[in-house]
Each structure stands twice: as structure tokens, then as C-alpha cells.
N, C-alpha and C. Protein backbone atom coordinates (compact mmCIF):
# COMPACT_ATOMS: atom_id res chain seq x y z
N UNK A 1 97.21 115.22 80.78
CA UNK A 1 97.91 115.45 82.03
C UNK A 1 97.48 114.41 83.05
N UNK A 2 98.43 113.83 83.73
CA UNK A 2 98.17 112.80 84.72
C UNK A 2 98.28 113.41 86.10
N UNK A 3 97.30 113.13 86.95
CA UNK A 3 97.42 113.57 88.34
C UNK A 3 96.78 112.53 89.24
N UNK A 4 97.36 112.39 90.42
CA UNK A 4 96.82 111.48 91.41
C UNK A 4 95.82 112.25 92.25
N UNK A 5 94.65 111.66 92.44
CA UNK A 5 93.59 112.31 93.19
C UNK A 5 93.54 111.71 94.58
N UNK A 6 93.74 112.54 95.60
CA UNK A 6 93.66 112.07 96.98
C UNK A 6 94.79 111.16 97.37
N UNK A 7 95.89 111.22 96.66
CA UNK A 7 97.05 110.38 96.98
C UNK A 7 98.21 111.28 97.34
N UNK A 8 99.25 110.69 97.90
CA UNK A 8 100.44 111.45 98.24
C UNK A 8 101.10 111.95 96.95
N UNK A 9 101.81 113.08 97.01
CA UNK A 9 102.48 113.57 95.81
C UNK A 9 103.48 112.56 95.27
N UNK A 10 103.65 112.57 93.98
CA UNK A 10 104.56 111.65 93.34
C UNK A 10 105.99 111.96 93.75
N UNK A 11 106.73 110.93 94.13
CA UNK A 11 108.12 111.08 94.50
C UNK A 11 108.94 110.13 93.66
N UNK A 12 110.20 110.45 93.41
CA UNK A 12 111.02 109.53 92.62
C UNK A 12 111.20 108.20 93.35
N UNK A 13 111.34 107.14 92.59
CA UNK A 13 111.58 105.84 93.17
C UNK A 13 112.93 105.89 93.88
N UNK A 14 112.98 105.35 95.07
CA UNK A 14 114.22 105.41 95.84
C UNK A 14 114.46 104.10 96.55
N UNK A 15 115.68 103.86 96.84
CA UNK A 15 116.07 102.69 97.62
C UNK A 15 115.82 103.02 99.08
N UNK A 16 115.12 102.15 99.77
CA UNK A 16 114.85 102.38 101.18
C UNK A 16 115.99 101.79 101.99
N UNK A 17 116.64 102.58 102.87
CA UNK A 17 117.76 102.04 103.63
C UNK A 17 117.30 100.97 104.61
N UNK A 18 118.13 100.00 104.80
CA UNK A 18 117.85 98.92 105.72
C UNK A 18 117.93 99.43 107.15
N UNK A 19 117.02 98.97 107.99
CA UNK A 19 117.07 99.34 109.40
C UNK A 19 118.21 98.57 110.05
N UNK A 20 119.00 99.27 110.84
CA UNK A 20 120.22 98.68 111.39
C UNK A 20 119.98 97.67 112.50
N UNK A 21 119.06 97.94 113.41
CA UNK A 21 118.90 97.09 114.59
C UNK A 21 117.73 96.12 114.49
N UNK A 22 117.35 95.82 113.31
CA UNK A 22 116.20 94.93 113.11
C UNK A 22 116.67 93.48 113.02
N UNK A 23 116.01 92.62 113.76
CA UNK A 23 116.33 91.20 113.70
C UNK A 23 115.76 90.65 112.40
N UNK A 24 116.58 90.00 111.63
CA UNK A 24 116.15 89.45 110.35
C UNK A 24 115.32 88.20 110.59
N UNK A 25 114.17 88.13 109.93
CA UNK A 25 113.33 86.95 110.09
C UNK A 25 113.97 85.77 109.37
N UNK A 26 113.63 84.58 109.79
CA UNK A 26 114.30 83.40 109.26
C UNK A 26 113.41 82.61 108.32
N UNK A 27 112.44 83.25 107.71
CA UNK A 27 111.54 82.54 106.81
C UNK A 27 112.18 82.27 105.47
N UNK A 28 111.36 81.89 104.53
CA UNK A 28 111.83 81.62 103.18
C UNK A 28 111.82 82.88 102.34
N UNK A 29 111.72 82.71 101.04
CA UNK A 29 111.67 83.84 100.12
C UNK A 29 110.33 83.84 99.42
N UNK A 30 109.88 85.02 99.07
CA UNK A 30 108.62 85.15 98.34
C UNK A 30 108.73 86.18 97.24
N UNK A 31 107.89 86.02 96.23
CA UNK A 31 107.84 86.96 95.12
C UNK A 31 106.37 87.18 94.77
N UNK A 32 106.01 88.44 94.56
CA UNK A 32 104.70 88.79 94.05
C UNK A 32 104.89 89.36 92.65
N UNK A 33 104.09 88.91 91.71
CA UNK A 33 104.06 89.50 90.37
C UNK A 33 102.71 90.24 90.30
N UNK A 34 102.77 91.54 90.15
CA UNK A 34 101.58 92.40 90.23
C UNK A 34 101.29 92.98 88.85
N UNK A 35 100.06 92.80 88.39
CA UNK A 35 99.63 93.39 87.12
C UNK A 35 98.53 94.40 87.41
N UNK A 36 98.77 95.66 87.05
CA UNK A 36 97.76 96.71 87.18
C UNK A 36 96.86 96.60 85.96
N UNK A 37 95.61 96.22 86.19
CA UNK A 37 94.73 95.88 85.08
C UNK A 37 94.45 97.04 84.12
N UNK A 38 94.43 98.26 84.61
CA UNK A 38 94.09 99.40 83.77
C UNK A 38 95.31 100.00 83.06
N UNK A 39 96.52 99.55 83.37
CA UNK A 39 97.73 100.15 82.80
C UNK A 39 97.76 100.04 81.27
N UNK A 40 97.37 98.91 80.73
CA UNK A 40 97.39 98.74 79.27
C UNK A 40 96.41 99.69 78.58
N UNK A 41 95.24 99.84 79.18
CA UNK A 41 94.24 100.76 78.61
C UNK A 41 94.74 102.22 78.69
N UNK A 42 95.38 102.58 79.80
CA UNK A 42 95.94 103.93 79.94
C UNK A 42 97.06 104.14 78.91
N UNK A 43 97.88 103.11 78.71
CA UNK A 43 98.95 103.18 77.70
C UNK A 43 98.37 103.44 76.32
N UNK A 44 97.34 102.68 75.94
CA UNK A 44 96.74 102.83 74.62
C UNK A 44 96.04 104.18 74.45
N UNK A 45 95.36 104.64 75.50
CA UNK A 45 94.58 105.87 75.40
C UNK A 45 95.41 107.14 75.57
N UNK A 46 96.47 107.07 76.41
CA UNK A 46 97.17 108.30 76.77
C UNK A 46 98.69 108.24 76.55
N UNK A 47 99.19 107.12 76.08
CA UNK A 47 100.59 107.04 75.73
C UNK A 47 101.50 106.51 76.82
N UNK A 48 102.74 106.29 76.41
CA UNK A 48 103.73 105.67 77.29
C UNK A 48 104.10 106.56 78.47
N UNK A 49 104.09 107.88 78.28
CA UNK A 49 104.45 108.78 79.38
C UNK A 49 103.47 108.65 80.54
N UNK A 50 102.17 108.68 80.24
CA UNK A 50 101.15 108.56 81.29
C UNK A 50 101.22 107.20 81.97
N UNK A 51 101.36 106.13 81.18
CA UNK A 51 101.45 104.79 81.76
C UNK A 51 102.71 104.64 82.61
N UNK A 52 103.82 105.19 82.13
CA UNK A 52 105.06 105.12 82.90
C UNK A 52 104.97 105.89 84.20
N UNK A 53 104.36 107.07 84.17
CA UNK A 53 104.18 107.85 85.40
C UNK A 53 103.30 107.10 86.39
N UNK A 54 102.26 106.46 85.87
CA UNK A 54 101.38 105.67 86.73
C UNK A 54 102.16 104.58 87.44
N UNK A 55 102.95 103.82 86.68
CA UNK A 55 103.68 102.69 87.28
C UNK A 55 104.74 103.17 88.27
N UNK A 56 105.39 104.30 87.99
CA UNK A 56 106.36 104.84 88.94
C UNK A 56 105.68 105.31 90.22
N UNK A 57 104.49 105.91 90.09
CA UNK A 57 103.76 106.35 91.28
C UNK A 57 103.32 105.16 92.12
N UNK A 58 102.87 104.09 91.48
CA UNK A 58 102.47 102.89 92.22
C UNK A 58 103.70 102.27 92.88
N UNK A 59 104.81 102.20 92.15
CA UNK A 59 106.06 101.68 92.71
C UNK A 59 106.41 102.43 93.99
N UNK A 60 106.36 103.75 93.93
CA UNK A 60 106.69 104.59 95.08
C UNK A 60 105.74 104.33 96.25
N UNK A 61 104.46 104.21 95.96
CA UNK A 61 103.47 103.94 97.02
C UNK A 61 103.72 102.58 97.67
N UNK A 62 104.09 101.58 96.87
CA UNK A 62 104.34 100.25 97.42
C UNK A 62 105.58 100.24 98.31
N UNK A 63 106.63 100.94 97.89
CA UNK A 63 107.86 101.00 98.68
C UNK A 63 107.55 101.51 100.08
N UNK A 64 106.65 102.50 100.18
CA UNK A 64 106.29 103.06 101.48
C UNK A 64 105.49 102.09 102.34
N UNK A 65 104.82 101.11 101.72
CA UNK A 65 103.97 100.18 102.48
C UNK A 65 104.65 98.84 102.79
N UNK A 66 105.85 98.65 102.28
CA UNK A 66 106.53 97.37 102.46
C UNK A 66 107.59 97.46 103.54
N UNK A 67 108.16 96.31 103.88
CA UNK A 67 109.24 96.26 104.85
C UNK A 67 110.51 96.82 104.21
N UNK A 68 111.45 97.24 105.02
CA UNK A 68 112.66 97.87 104.48
C UNK A 68 113.49 96.90 103.64
N UNK A 69 113.43 95.61 103.92
CA UNK A 69 114.24 94.66 103.16
C UNK A 69 113.58 94.21 101.86
N UNK A 70 112.31 94.56 101.64
CA UNK A 70 111.61 94.19 100.41
C UNK A 70 112.04 95.11 99.27
N UNK A 71 111.94 94.61 98.04
CA UNK A 71 112.33 95.37 96.85
C UNK A 71 111.20 95.31 95.83
N UNK A 72 111.03 96.42 95.11
CA UNK A 72 110.01 96.51 94.07
C UNK A 72 110.69 96.91 92.77
N UNK A 73 110.34 96.23 91.68
CA UNK A 73 110.91 96.55 90.37
C UNK A 73 109.79 96.60 89.34
N UNK A 74 109.92 97.51 88.38
CA UNK A 74 108.96 97.58 87.29
C UNK A 74 109.27 96.48 86.29
N UNK A 75 108.23 95.79 85.83
CA UNK A 75 108.38 94.78 84.78
C UNK A 75 107.26 94.98 83.77
N UNK A 76 107.61 94.90 82.52
CA UNK A 76 106.66 95.14 81.43
C UNK A 76 106.06 96.54 81.56
N UNK A 77 105.01 96.81 80.82
CA UNK A 77 104.35 98.12 80.88
C UNK A 77 103.29 98.18 81.98
N UNK A 78 102.88 97.03 82.49
CA UNK A 78 101.75 97.01 83.41
C UNK A 78 102.03 96.26 84.70
N UNK A 79 103.30 95.96 84.99
CA UNK A 79 103.55 95.10 86.13
C UNK A 79 104.69 95.53 87.03
N UNK A 80 104.65 94.93 88.21
CA UNK A 80 105.68 95.14 89.22
C UNK A 80 106.06 93.78 89.79
N UNK A 81 107.32 93.66 90.12
CA UNK A 81 107.83 92.47 90.78
C UNK A 81 108.21 92.89 92.19
N UNK A 82 107.66 92.20 93.19
CA UNK A 82 107.96 92.50 94.59
C UNK A 82 108.72 91.30 95.16
N UNK A 83 109.95 91.53 95.61
CA UNK A 83 110.80 90.47 96.16
C UNK A 83 110.76 90.59 97.68
N UNK A 84 110.43 89.47 98.34
CA UNK A 84 110.21 89.44 99.78
C UNK A 84 111.16 88.44 100.44
N UNK A 85 112.32 88.88 100.89
CA UNK A 85 113.24 87.95 101.56
C UNK A 85 112.81 87.70 103.01
N UNK A 86 113.10 86.52 103.52
CA UNK A 86 112.87 86.21 104.92
C UNK A 86 111.41 86.31 105.34
N UNK A 87 110.51 85.65 104.60
CA UNK A 87 109.09 85.74 104.90
C UNK A 87 108.48 84.39 105.21
N UNK A 88 107.43 84.42 106.00
CA UNK A 88 106.61 83.24 106.25
C UNK A 88 105.39 83.33 105.33
N UNK A 89 104.63 82.26 105.23
CA UNK A 89 103.43 82.27 104.40
C UNK A 89 102.44 83.33 104.90
N UNK A 90 102.34 83.48 106.21
CA UNK A 90 101.44 84.47 106.80
C UNK A 90 101.87 85.89 106.42
N UNK A 91 103.17 86.17 106.45
CA UNK A 91 103.68 87.49 106.07
C UNK A 91 103.42 87.76 104.60
N UNK A 92 103.60 86.76 103.75
CA UNK A 92 103.33 86.94 102.31
C UNK A 92 101.87 87.33 102.10
N UNK A 93 100.94 86.66 102.78
CA UNK A 93 99.52 86.98 102.64
C UNK A 93 99.24 88.42 103.08
N UNK A 94 99.85 88.84 104.21
CA UNK A 94 99.66 90.22 104.69
C UNK A 94 100.20 91.23 103.69
N UNK A 95 101.38 90.96 103.16
CA UNK A 95 101.98 91.89 102.19
C UNK A 95 101.16 91.91 100.90
N UNK A 96 100.68 90.77 100.46
CA UNK A 96 99.83 90.72 99.26
C UNK A 96 98.59 91.60 99.46
N UNK A 97 97.98 91.53 100.64
CA UNK A 97 96.81 92.36 100.93
C UNK A 97 97.17 93.85 100.94
N UNK A 98 98.34 94.20 101.50
CA UNK A 98 98.79 95.61 101.51
C UNK A 98 98.99 96.13 100.09
N UNK A 99 99.59 95.30 99.25
CA UNK A 99 99.84 95.70 97.86
C UNK A 99 98.51 95.92 97.13
N UNK A 100 97.61 94.98 97.28
CA UNK A 100 96.30 95.09 96.63
C UNK A 100 95.56 96.34 97.12
N UNK A 101 95.61 96.62 98.42
CA UNK A 101 94.94 97.80 98.98
C UNK A 101 95.58 99.09 98.48
N UNK A 102 96.90 99.12 98.41
CA UNK A 102 97.61 100.32 97.93
C UNK A 102 97.17 100.67 96.52
N UNK A 103 97.00 99.67 95.68
CA UNK A 103 96.59 99.91 94.29
C UNK A 103 95.12 100.32 94.23
N UNK A 104 94.29 99.67 95.05
CA UNK A 104 92.86 100.05 95.09
C UNK A 104 92.68 101.48 95.60
N UNK A 105 93.55 101.94 96.48
CA UNK A 105 93.46 103.30 97.04
C UNK A 105 93.80 104.39 96.03
N UNK A 106 94.46 104.03 94.95
CA UNK A 106 94.82 105.03 93.94
C UNK A 106 93.59 105.55 93.23
N UNK A 107 93.55 106.84 93.06
CA UNK A 107 92.56 107.48 92.20
C UNK A 107 93.39 108.33 91.25
N UNK A 108 93.21 108.11 90.00
CA UNK A 108 94.05 108.73 88.99
C UNK A 108 93.19 109.51 88.01
N UNK A 109 93.60 110.72 87.71
CA UNK A 109 92.90 111.52 86.72
C UNK A 109 93.84 111.72 85.53
N UNK A 110 93.39 111.27 84.36
CA UNK A 110 94.15 111.45 83.13
C UNK A 110 93.21 112.09 82.11
N UNK A 111 93.59 113.27 81.64
CA UNK A 111 92.81 114.00 80.62
C UNK A 111 91.34 114.10 81.00
N UNK A 112 91.08 114.39 82.27
CA UNK A 112 89.72 114.59 82.73
C UNK A 112 88.95 113.32 83.08
N UNK A 113 89.54 112.17 82.88
CA UNK A 113 88.87 110.92 83.23
C UNK A 113 89.44 110.40 84.54
N UNK A 114 88.56 110.05 85.48
CA UNK A 114 88.97 109.51 86.76
C UNK A 114 89.04 107.99 86.67
N UNK A 115 90.19 107.45 87.04
CA UNK A 115 90.41 106.00 86.99
C UNK A 115 90.51 105.44 88.40
N UNK A 116 89.85 104.32 88.63
CA UNK A 116 90.07 103.50 89.82
C UNK A 116 90.89 102.31 89.35
N UNK A 117 91.84 101.89 90.15
CA UNK A 117 92.75 100.84 89.72
C UNK A 117 92.52 99.55 90.48
N UNK A 118 92.76 98.45 89.79
CA UNK A 118 92.71 97.12 90.40
C UNK A 118 93.95 96.35 89.95
N UNK A 119 94.26 95.31 90.67
CA UNK A 119 95.45 94.52 90.34
C UNK A 119 95.15 93.04 90.44
N UNK A 120 95.87 92.30 89.63
CA UNK A 120 95.93 90.84 89.74
C UNK A 120 97.31 90.52 90.30
N UNK A 121 97.38 89.57 91.22
CA UNK A 121 98.65 89.27 91.88
C UNK A 121 98.92 87.78 91.83
N UNK A 122 100.10 87.44 91.31
CA UNK A 122 100.58 86.06 91.33
C UNK A 122 101.61 85.94 92.45
N UNK A 123 101.63 84.79 93.11
CA UNK A 123 102.49 84.60 94.28
C UNK A 123 103.30 83.32 94.12
N UNK A 124 104.55 83.38 94.54
CA UNK A 124 105.39 82.18 94.62
C UNK A 124 106.27 82.34 95.85
N UNK A 125 106.54 81.22 96.51
CA UNK A 125 107.40 81.28 97.69
C UNK A 125 108.21 80.00 97.81
N UNK A 126 109.28 80.12 98.54
CA UNK A 126 110.16 79.00 98.81
C UNK A 126 110.47 78.99 100.30
N UNK A 127 109.86 78.06 101.04
CA UNK A 127 110.14 78.01 102.47
C UNK A 127 111.61 77.72 102.72
N UNK A 128 112.16 78.31 103.76
CA UNK A 128 113.56 78.10 104.08
C UNK A 128 113.82 76.61 104.31
N UNK A 129 114.90 76.14 103.75
CA UNK A 129 115.26 74.74 103.95
C UNK A 129 114.60 73.79 102.97
N UNK A 130 113.66 74.28 102.17
CA UNK A 130 112.99 73.43 101.18
C UNK A 130 113.22 73.98 99.79
N UNK A 131 113.08 73.14 98.82
CA UNK A 131 113.22 73.52 97.42
C UNK A 131 114.49 74.32 97.16
N UNK A 132 115.65 73.78 97.54
CA UNK A 132 116.87 74.52 97.32
C UNK A 132 117.06 74.80 95.83
N UNK A 133 117.71 75.89 95.53
CA UNK A 133 117.97 76.23 94.14
C UNK A 133 116.92 77.11 93.52
N UNK A 134 115.84 77.43 94.27
CA UNK A 134 114.84 78.34 93.73
C UNK A 134 115.33 79.77 93.94
N UNK A 135 115.87 80.34 92.91
CA UNK A 135 116.39 81.69 92.96
C UNK A 135 115.25 82.69 92.76
N UNK A 136 115.54 83.97 92.91
CA UNK A 136 114.52 84.99 92.65
C UNK A 136 114.00 84.90 91.22
N UNK A 137 114.87 84.74 90.19
CA UNK A 137 114.31 84.58 88.84
C UNK A 137 113.38 83.36 88.71
N UNK A 138 113.73 82.26 89.37
CA UNK A 138 112.86 81.07 89.33
C UNK A 138 111.54 81.36 90.01
N UNK A 139 111.59 82.02 91.17
CA UNK A 139 110.35 82.38 91.87
C UNK A 139 109.53 83.37 91.04
N UNK A 140 110.20 84.29 90.36
CA UNK A 140 109.50 85.26 89.52
C UNK A 140 108.74 84.55 88.40
N UNK A 141 109.37 83.53 87.79
CA UNK A 141 108.67 82.76 86.73
C UNK A 141 107.45 82.04 87.31
N UNK A 142 107.61 81.47 88.50
CA UNK A 142 106.48 80.78 89.14
C UNK A 142 105.36 81.77 89.49
N UNK A 143 105.74 82.95 89.99
CA UNK A 143 104.74 83.97 90.31
C UNK A 143 104.04 84.46 89.04
N UNK A 144 104.78 84.58 87.94
CA UNK A 144 104.19 84.98 86.67
C UNK A 144 103.21 83.92 86.18
N UNK A 145 103.57 82.65 86.32
CA UNK A 145 102.64 81.56 85.98
C UNK A 145 101.37 81.65 86.81
N UNK A 146 101.54 81.92 88.12
CA UNK A 146 100.39 82.05 89.01
C UNK A 146 99.54 83.26 88.60
N UNK A 147 100.20 84.36 88.20
CA UNK A 147 99.47 85.54 87.74
C UNK A 147 98.61 85.21 86.53
N UNK A 148 99.13 84.43 85.59
CA UNK A 148 98.34 84.03 84.42
C UNK A 148 97.15 83.16 84.84
N UNK A 149 97.36 82.29 85.82
CA UNK A 149 96.25 81.46 86.33
C UNK A 149 95.18 82.35 86.95
N UNK A 150 95.60 83.31 87.78
CA UNK A 150 94.67 84.24 88.43
C UNK A 150 93.93 85.06 87.38
N UNK A 151 94.64 85.50 86.35
CA UNK A 151 94.04 86.29 85.28
C UNK A 151 92.98 85.49 84.52
N UNK A 152 93.28 84.25 84.19
CA UNK A 152 92.30 83.39 83.50
C UNK A 152 91.07 83.17 84.36
N UNK A 153 91.27 83.03 85.66
CA UNK A 153 90.15 82.82 86.59
C UNK A 153 89.30 84.10 86.70
N UNK A 154 89.97 85.26 86.76
CA UNK A 154 89.25 86.53 86.90
C UNK A 154 88.54 86.95 85.62
N UNK A 155 89.12 86.58 84.48
CA UNK A 155 88.57 86.99 83.17
C UNK A 155 88.48 85.77 82.25
N UNK A 156 87.54 84.86 82.52
CA UNK A 156 87.43 83.66 81.68
C UNK A 156 86.97 84.02 80.27
N UNK A 157 87.52 83.30 79.33
CA UNK A 157 87.11 83.51 77.94
C UNK A 157 85.90 82.63 77.66
N UNK A 158 84.90 83.21 76.95
CA UNK A 158 83.66 82.43 76.69
C UNK A 158 83.87 81.30 75.74
């Protein structure tokens, strides 16, 4: 049985409505590729249902911490893609910190074992007016490449 300890109750993933009177920022686009490091171990130890519930709960928590125009999607068994339209480099750094903190704040209990979660985050951005043609899929590939670089740095092979 999976339960979140000290976290908000699990809610279904939902589309957050856009705020009507908000001035849209004129920055570029950004993408975060987020890998929850413990998701694979939870999948192996407790099955796809527990791992899927974990990722949906994290997705829901991230949606609540992001701007209304940002989007979060599940990718693979252990990852999330966060699309950030109209952002500056400073905003991307702030959002990256919020995402990392949201995942660190999770306390998860599965079959009597308490899990603390950590994440690796790859980042890619395209400043407005530069690098034309970088679509969200292109940025996602760049963020995934950055995630692999971050992963190799965090967990070097001997």
C-alpha cells in the first residue's frame, strides 16, 4: 500500500486554467527533464501500480507549485517533462529550485518502508529571438541530454 506521509492528499492530475488578466512574459522557452531517482527502485520492489501512483502524486504536487501557463507531463517510468513558456533564465532557475524542493518534501510510505525522494534535473532553454526552430521536442531532447550529464556527474562510474 502506498501512502504519502505529511503531504497533501493525492488528487487526480488536472489542467490548470489560465489566469485571464495576467500579462504574459516575453521571455524564451524552457524545458526541465526531471528524473525521480527512487522511482525505478520502487517500481522493481513494489510494482508498476505503486510507481505510477508515485509519479502521478508528484505530477499533481508540481502543478500546484508552477505558474498557470506551465505544463507537466509524465515521461518514462521515472520522469516528468516540465514545459515553461515565456521564461527568463532567472525564472527557469527559480522553477527548477521549486521542482527540486517539491520532490524533496515528499515522504512516501510503501509496504511499511519510508522513502525520501530526490531528483536529477536536466534543463534546456531557448531565449526569445535566438535559436529559431527550437521546438518543445527539440528542447526536451536537449534537456534529456543535460539530465544524462547531470546523472553521470552525480553518480560517476568507477
